[in-house]
N, C-alpha and C. Protein backbone atom coordinates (compact mmCIF):
# COMPACT_ATOMS: atom_id res chain seq x y z
N PHE A 1 15.10 -34.36 -35.18
CA PHE A 1 15.70 -33.48 -36.16
C PHE A 1 14.67 -32.48 -36.61
N ALA A 2 14.86 -31.24 -36.24
CA ALA A 2 13.93 -30.19 -36.66
C ALA A 2 14.60 -28.85 -36.47
N TYR A 3 13.99 -27.84 -37.04
CA TYR A 3 14.46 -26.49 -36.83
C TYR A 3 13.26 -25.57 -36.79
N SER A 4 13.44 -24.42 -36.20
CA SER A 4 12.37 -23.44 -36.19
C SER A 4 12.99 -22.05 -36.10
N ASP A 5 12.24 -21.07 -36.53
CA ASP A 5 12.67 -19.67 -36.48
C ASP A 5 14.04 -19.46 -37.10
N GLY A 6 14.39 -20.23 -38.11
CA GLY A 6 15.63 -20.02 -38.83
C GLY A 6 16.87 -20.48 -38.09
N LYS A 7 16.72 -21.10 -36.94
CA LYS A 7 17.88 -21.55 -36.17
C LYS A 7 18.15 -23.01 -36.49
N HIS A 8 19.38 -23.28 -36.79
CA HIS A 8 19.79 -24.62 -37.19
C HIS A 8 20.07 -25.46 -35.95
N MET A 9 19.40 -26.57 -35.82
CA MET A 9 19.70 -27.51 -34.74
C MET A 9 20.66 -28.54 -35.30
N VAL A 10 21.82 -28.65 -34.68
CA VAL A 10 22.87 -29.52 -35.17
C VAL A 10 22.69 -30.93 -34.63
N ALA A 11 22.80 -31.89 -35.53
CA ALA A 11 22.76 -33.31 -35.14
C ALA A 11 23.88 -34.02 -35.86
N ALA A 12 24.53 -34.95 -35.18
CA ALA A 12 25.59 -35.72 -35.83
C ALA A 12 25.00 -36.51 -36.99
N ARG A 13 25.80 -36.71 -38.03
CA ARG A 13 25.31 -37.43 -39.20
C ARG A 13 24.80 -38.82 -38.85
N SER A 14 25.48 -39.49 -37.97
CA SER A 14 25.03 -40.83 -37.61
C SER A 14 23.68 -40.78 -36.88
N GLU A 15 23.48 -39.76 -36.03
CA GLU A 15 22.21 -39.61 -35.34
C GLU A 15 21.10 -39.29 -36.33
N LEU A 16 21.39 -38.43 -37.29
CA LEU A 16 20.39 -38.07 -38.29
C LEU A 16 20.02 -39.28 -39.13
N GLY A 17 21.01 -40.04 -39.57
CA GLY A 17 20.73 -41.24 -40.34
C GLY A 17 19.90 -42.23 -39.56
N HIS A 18 20.21 -42.38 -38.28
CA HIS A 18 19.46 -43.31 -37.43
C HIS A 18 18.02 -42.81 -37.25
N ALA A 19 17.84 -41.50 -37.08
CA ALA A 19 16.51 -40.94 -36.88
C ALA A 19 15.63 -41.10 -38.11
N LEU A 20 16.22 -41.05 -39.29
CA LEU A 20 15.44 -41.12 -40.52
C LEU A 20 15.21 -42.54 -41.02
N LYS A 21 16.02 -43.48 -40.55
CA LYS A 21 15.91 -44.86 -41.04
C LYS A 21 14.50 -45.39 -40.81
N GLU A 22 13.85 -45.77 -41.91
CA GLU A 22 12.49 -46.31 -41.90
C GLU A 22 11.44 -45.32 -41.41
N ALA A 23 11.79 -44.03 -41.31
CA ALA A 23 10.82 -43.02 -40.91
C ALA A 23 9.77 -42.86 -42.00
N VAL A 24 8.56 -42.53 -41.61
CA VAL A 24 7.48 -42.25 -42.55
C VAL A 24 7.05 -40.80 -42.32
N LEU A 25 7.21 -39.98 -43.34
CA LEU A 25 6.86 -38.57 -43.25
C LEU A 25 5.50 -38.34 -43.90
N GLU A 26 4.68 -37.54 -43.20
CA GLU A 26 3.33 -37.20 -43.65
C GLU A 26 2.48 -38.43 -43.95
N ASP A 27 2.73 -39.52 -43.24
CA ASP A 27 2.00 -40.78 -43.42
C ASP A 27 2.02 -41.26 -44.87
N ARG A 28 3.06 -40.89 -45.59
CA ARG A 28 3.09 -41.22 -47.02
C ARG A 28 4.45 -41.67 -47.52
N PHE A 29 5.52 -41.01 -47.09
CA PHE A 29 6.85 -41.26 -47.65
C PHE A 29 7.73 -41.99 -46.65
N ARG A 30 8.06 -43.26 -46.95
CA ARG A 30 8.91 -44.07 -46.07
C ARG A 30 10.35 -43.99 -46.55
N VAL A 31 11.24 -43.54 -45.69
CA VAL A 31 12.66 -43.45 -46.02
C VAL A 31 13.23 -44.86 -46.10
N GLU A 32 13.88 -45.17 -47.22
CA GLU A 32 14.49 -46.49 -47.40
C GLU A 32 15.98 -46.46 -47.11
N SER A 33 16.68 -45.45 -47.61
CA SER A 33 18.13 -45.36 -47.36
C SER A 33 18.61 -43.95 -47.62
N LEU A 34 19.66 -43.57 -46.90
CA LEU A 34 20.27 -42.26 -47.12
C LEU A 34 21.18 -42.33 -48.33
N LEU A 35 21.11 -41.32 -49.18
CA LEU A 35 21.98 -41.25 -50.34
C LEU A 35 23.12 -40.27 -50.12
N LYS A 36 22.83 -39.15 -49.45
CA LYS A 36 23.87 -38.14 -49.22
C LYS A 36 23.44 -37.23 -48.07
N THR A 37 24.41 -36.84 -47.26
CA THR A 37 24.17 -35.90 -46.17
C THR A 37 25.16 -34.76 -46.29
N SER A 38 24.66 -33.53 -46.20
CA SER A 38 25.54 -32.35 -46.23
C SER A 38 25.04 -31.36 -45.18
N ALA A 39 25.70 -30.24 -45.07
CA ALA A 39 25.29 -29.23 -44.10
C ALA A 39 23.95 -28.61 -44.48
N GLN A 40 23.60 -28.60 -45.76
CA GLN A 40 22.38 -27.97 -46.24
C GLN A 40 21.17 -28.90 -46.34
N ARG A 41 21.44 -30.17 -46.63
CA ARG A 41 20.32 -31.08 -46.86
C ARG A 41 20.70 -32.53 -46.66
N VAL A 42 19.66 -33.33 -46.54
CA VAL A 42 19.80 -34.78 -46.49
C VAL A 42 19.01 -35.31 -47.69
N THR A 43 19.66 -36.15 -48.47
CA THR A 43 19.00 -36.75 -49.63
C THR A 43 18.84 -38.24 -49.36
N ALA A 44 17.63 -38.73 -49.57
CA ALA A 44 17.33 -40.13 -49.26
C ALA A 44 16.45 -40.74 -50.34
N ARG A 45 16.61 -42.05 -50.52
CA ARG A 45 15.68 -42.78 -51.36
C ARG A 45 14.47 -43.10 -50.49
N CYS A 46 13.28 -42.93 -51.05
CA CYS A 46 12.08 -43.21 -50.26
C CYS A 46 11.06 -43.95 -51.11
N HIS A 47 10.03 -44.41 -50.45
CA HIS A 47 8.94 -45.11 -51.13
C HIS A 47 7.65 -44.36 -50.83
N ASP A 48 6.94 -43.99 -51.89
CA ASP A 48 5.65 -43.32 -51.75
C ASP A 48 4.60 -44.39 -51.50
N LEU A 49 4.05 -44.40 -50.31
CA LEU A 49 3.09 -45.44 -49.92
C LEU A 49 1.73 -45.27 -50.60
N VAL A 50 1.44 -44.08 -51.10
CA VAL A 50 0.17 -43.83 -51.77
C VAL A 50 0.21 -44.30 -53.22
N THR A 51 1.28 -43.92 -53.93
CA THR A 51 1.37 -44.27 -55.35
C THR A 51 2.19 -45.53 -55.60
N ASN A 52 2.80 -46.07 -54.55
CA ASN A 52 3.62 -47.27 -54.64
C ASN A 52 4.78 -47.12 -55.63
N ARG A 53 5.47 -45.98 -55.54
CA ARG A 53 6.63 -45.78 -56.41
C ARG A 53 7.83 -45.31 -55.59
N ARG A 54 9.00 -45.61 -56.11
CA ARG A 54 10.26 -45.18 -55.51
C ARG A 54 10.47 -43.71 -55.88
N ALA A 55 11.04 -42.96 -54.95
CA ALA A 55 11.27 -41.53 -55.18
C ALA A 55 12.53 -41.10 -54.42
N VAL A 56 12.90 -39.85 -54.63
CA VAL A 56 14.02 -39.24 -53.91
C VAL A 56 13.46 -38.12 -53.04
N MET A 57 13.89 -38.10 -51.81
CA MET A 57 13.46 -37.07 -50.87
C MET A 57 14.66 -36.19 -50.52
N LYS A 58 14.46 -34.88 -50.56
CA LYS A 58 15.48 -33.94 -50.12
C LYS A 58 14.92 -33.16 -48.95
N LEU A 59 15.60 -33.26 -47.80
CA LEU A 59 15.17 -32.59 -46.59
C LEU A 59 16.13 -31.45 -46.28
N ALA A 60 15.61 -30.26 -46.06
CA ALA A 60 16.43 -29.11 -45.71
C ALA A 60 16.84 -29.20 -44.24
N THR A 61 18.06 -28.79 -43.94
CA THR A 61 18.55 -28.88 -42.56
C THR A 61 18.49 -27.55 -41.82
N SER A 62 17.99 -26.50 -42.48
CA SER A 62 17.84 -25.19 -41.84
C SER A 62 16.80 -24.39 -42.62
N ALA A 63 16.37 -23.28 -42.06
CA ALA A 63 15.40 -22.43 -42.76
C ALA A 63 15.99 -21.87 -44.06
N PRO A 64 17.25 -21.38 -44.08
CA PRO A 64 17.81 -20.93 -45.35
C PRO A 64 17.92 -22.06 -46.39
N ALA A 65 18.21 -23.26 -45.93
CA ALA A 65 18.27 -24.40 -46.85
C ALA A 65 16.87 -24.72 -47.38
N GLY A 66 15.84 -24.47 -46.58
CA GLY A 66 14.47 -24.64 -47.04
C GLY A 66 14.13 -23.67 -48.15
N GLN A 67 14.63 -22.44 -48.05
CA GLN A 67 14.43 -21.45 -49.12
C GLN A 67 15.13 -21.90 -50.40
N HIS A 68 16.35 -22.41 -50.26
CA HIS A 68 17.10 -22.90 -51.42
C HIS A 68 16.38 -24.07 -52.06
N LEU A 69 15.83 -24.95 -51.25
CA LEU A 69 15.08 -26.09 -51.75
C LEU A 69 13.85 -25.63 -52.53
N MET A 70 13.20 -24.56 -52.05
CA MET A 70 12.04 -24.02 -52.74
C MET A 70 12.44 -23.53 -54.14
N TYR A 71 13.59 -22.86 -54.26
CA TYR A 71 14.05 -22.39 -55.57
C TYR A 71 14.34 -23.57 -56.49
N GLU A 72 14.93 -24.62 -55.95
CA GLU A 72 15.21 -25.82 -56.74
C GLU A 72 13.92 -26.45 -57.26
N VAL A 73 12.92 -26.55 -56.40
CA VAL A 73 11.64 -27.12 -56.79
C VAL A 73 10.98 -26.28 -57.89
N CYS A 74 11.05 -24.96 -57.75
CA CYS A 74 10.48 -24.07 -58.78
C CYS A 74 11.17 -24.26 -60.12
N MET A 75 12.49 -24.35 -60.11
CA MET A 75 13.25 -24.54 -61.36
C MET A 75 12.92 -25.89 -61.99
N LEU A 76 12.89 -26.94 -61.20
CA LEU A 76 12.56 -28.26 -61.73
C LEU A 76 11.14 -28.30 -62.29
N SER A 77 10.22 -27.60 -61.63
CA SER A 77 8.84 -27.57 -62.11
C SER A 77 8.73 -26.88 -63.46
N MET A 78 9.55 -25.86 -63.68
CA MET A 78 9.54 -25.16 -64.97
C MET A 78 10.13 -26.02 -66.09
N LEU A 79 10.95 -26.99 -65.71
CA LEU A 79 11.60 -27.86 -66.69
C LEU A 79 10.96 -29.24 -66.75
N ASP A 80 9.71 -29.35 -66.33
CA ASP A 80 9.07 -30.66 -66.18
C ASP A 80 8.91 -31.44 -67.48
N LYS A 81 9.01 -30.81 -68.63
CA LYS A 81 8.87 -31.53 -69.90
C LYS A 81 10.22 -31.89 -70.53
N VAL A 82 11.30 -31.52 -69.87
CA VAL A 82 12.65 -31.79 -70.39
C VAL A 82 13.06 -33.21 -69.98
N PRO A 83 13.50 -34.03 -70.96
CA PRO A 83 13.94 -35.39 -70.63
C PRO A 83 15.09 -35.37 -69.61
N LEU A 84 15.11 -36.35 -68.75
CA LEU A 84 16.14 -36.56 -67.73
C LEU A 84 16.14 -35.52 -66.61
N VAL A 85 15.10 -34.70 -66.54
CA VAL A 85 14.92 -33.80 -65.41
C VAL A 85 13.83 -34.43 -64.54
N PRO A 86 14.14 -34.70 -63.27
CA PRO A 86 13.16 -35.41 -62.43
C PRO A 86 11.91 -34.57 -62.19
N ALA A 87 10.77 -35.24 -62.21
CA ALA A 87 9.50 -34.60 -61.90
C ALA A 87 9.37 -34.41 -60.39
N VAL A 88 8.84 -33.28 -59.97
CA VAL A 88 8.60 -33.02 -58.56
C VAL A 88 7.22 -33.55 -58.21
N TYR A 89 7.15 -34.42 -57.20
CA TYR A 89 5.89 -35.01 -56.78
C TYR A 89 5.25 -34.27 -55.60
N HIS A 90 6.11 -33.71 -54.72
CA HIS A 90 5.58 -33.15 -53.47
C HIS A 90 6.58 -32.15 -52.91
N PHE A 91 6.07 -31.07 -52.31
CA PHE A 91 6.92 -30.11 -51.62
C PHE A 91 6.13 -29.56 -50.44
N THR A 92 6.74 -29.58 -49.27
CA THR A 92 6.04 -29.14 -48.06
C THR A 92 5.98 -27.62 -47.94
N GLY A 93 6.86 -26.92 -48.63
CA GLY A 93 6.95 -25.47 -48.51
C GLY A 93 8.20 -25.09 -47.76
N ALA A 94 8.73 -23.93 -48.07
CA ALA A 94 9.99 -23.49 -47.47
C ALA A 94 9.85 -23.16 -45.99
N ASN A 95 8.66 -22.81 -45.55
CA ASN A 95 8.47 -22.40 -44.15
C ASN A 95 7.86 -23.49 -43.28
N ALA A 96 7.80 -24.71 -43.78
CA ALA A 96 7.26 -25.81 -43.00
C ALA A 96 8.20 -26.15 -41.84
N ALA A 97 7.68 -26.78 -40.82
CA ALA A 97 8.52 -27.19 -39.69
C ALA A 97 9.66 -28.08 -40.16
N LEU A 98 9.38 -28.93 -41.12
CA LEU A 98 10.41 -29.75 -41.76
C LEU A 98 10.19 -29.64 -43.26
N SER A 99 11.03 -28.84 -43.89
CA SER A 99 10.89 -28.58 -45.32
C SER A 99 11.54 -29.70 -46.12
N PHE A 100 10.73 -30.34 -46.99
CA PHE A 100 11.30 -31.38 -47.83
C PHE A 100 10.56 -31.47 -49.16
N SER A 101 11.27 -31.99 -50.16
CA SER A 101 10.66 -32.23 -51.46
C SER A 101 10.80 -33.71 -51.79
N VAL A 102 9.90 -34.18 -52.64
CA VAL A 102 9.97 -35.55 -53.12
C VAL A 102 9.89 -35.48 -54.63
N MET A 103 10.82 -36.16 -55.28
CA MET A 103 10.85 -36.12 -56.73
C MET A 103 11.12 -37.49 -57.32
N GLU A 104 10.96 -37.55 -58.62
CA GLU A 104 11.15 -38.80 -59.36
C GLU A 104 12.53 -39.37 -59.13
N TYR A 105 12.59 -40.67 -58.94
CA TYR A 105 13.87 -41.38 -58.80
C TYR A 105 14.33 -41.80 -60.19
N LEU A 106 15.52 -41.35 -60.58
CA LEU A 106 16.07 -41.70 -61.88
C LEU A 106 17.18 -42.72 -61.68
N GLU A 107 17.07 -43.86 -62.32
CA GLU A 107 18.10 -44.91 -62.24
C GLU A 107 19.35 -44.47 -62.97
N GLY A 108 20.49 -44.91 -62.51
CA GLY A 108 21.75 -44.64 -63.20
C GLY A 108 22.78 -44.03 -62.27
N GLU A 109 23.89 -43.64 -62.88
CA GLU A 109 24.98 -43.03 -62.11
C GLU A 109 24.68 -41.57 -61.82
N THR A 110 25.24 -41.07 -60.71
CA THR A 110 25.07 -39.67 -60.38
C THR A 110 25.99 -38.83 -61.25
N LEU A 111 25.73 -37.56 -61.31
CA LEU A 111 26.59 -36.66 -62.08
C LEU A 111 27.98 -36.58 -61.47
N ALA A 112 28.08 -36.85 -60.17
CA ALA A 112 29.37 -36.81 -59.50
C ALA A 112 30.23 -38.02 -59.85
N ALA A 113 29.63 -39.08 -60.38
CA ALA A 113 30.37 -40.32 -60.67
C ALA A 113 31.29 -40.17 -61.85
């Protein structure tokens, strides 16, 4: 699962889930389970092997989605002192071969619930 030069490489959701299961990105973030898959991103629960904490990983599925993820990370960083807004721990950058962010895992129900 990767993209380059702004071209989206399509993978079936089941293939993507299988590819990410127990994957370790950047020798630090181990994917534990998929939380949500959409055309723009994959959201997964992960474990930070360096800090030994649970986190949420958002992976962009295309270059435009990587740009959107960058805007989200910037907004969350500006709101880092607001209660119930997750802290951003890591961001690879919008132009990385695989653009993803890692943020604080908040227990509880989702806003969609």
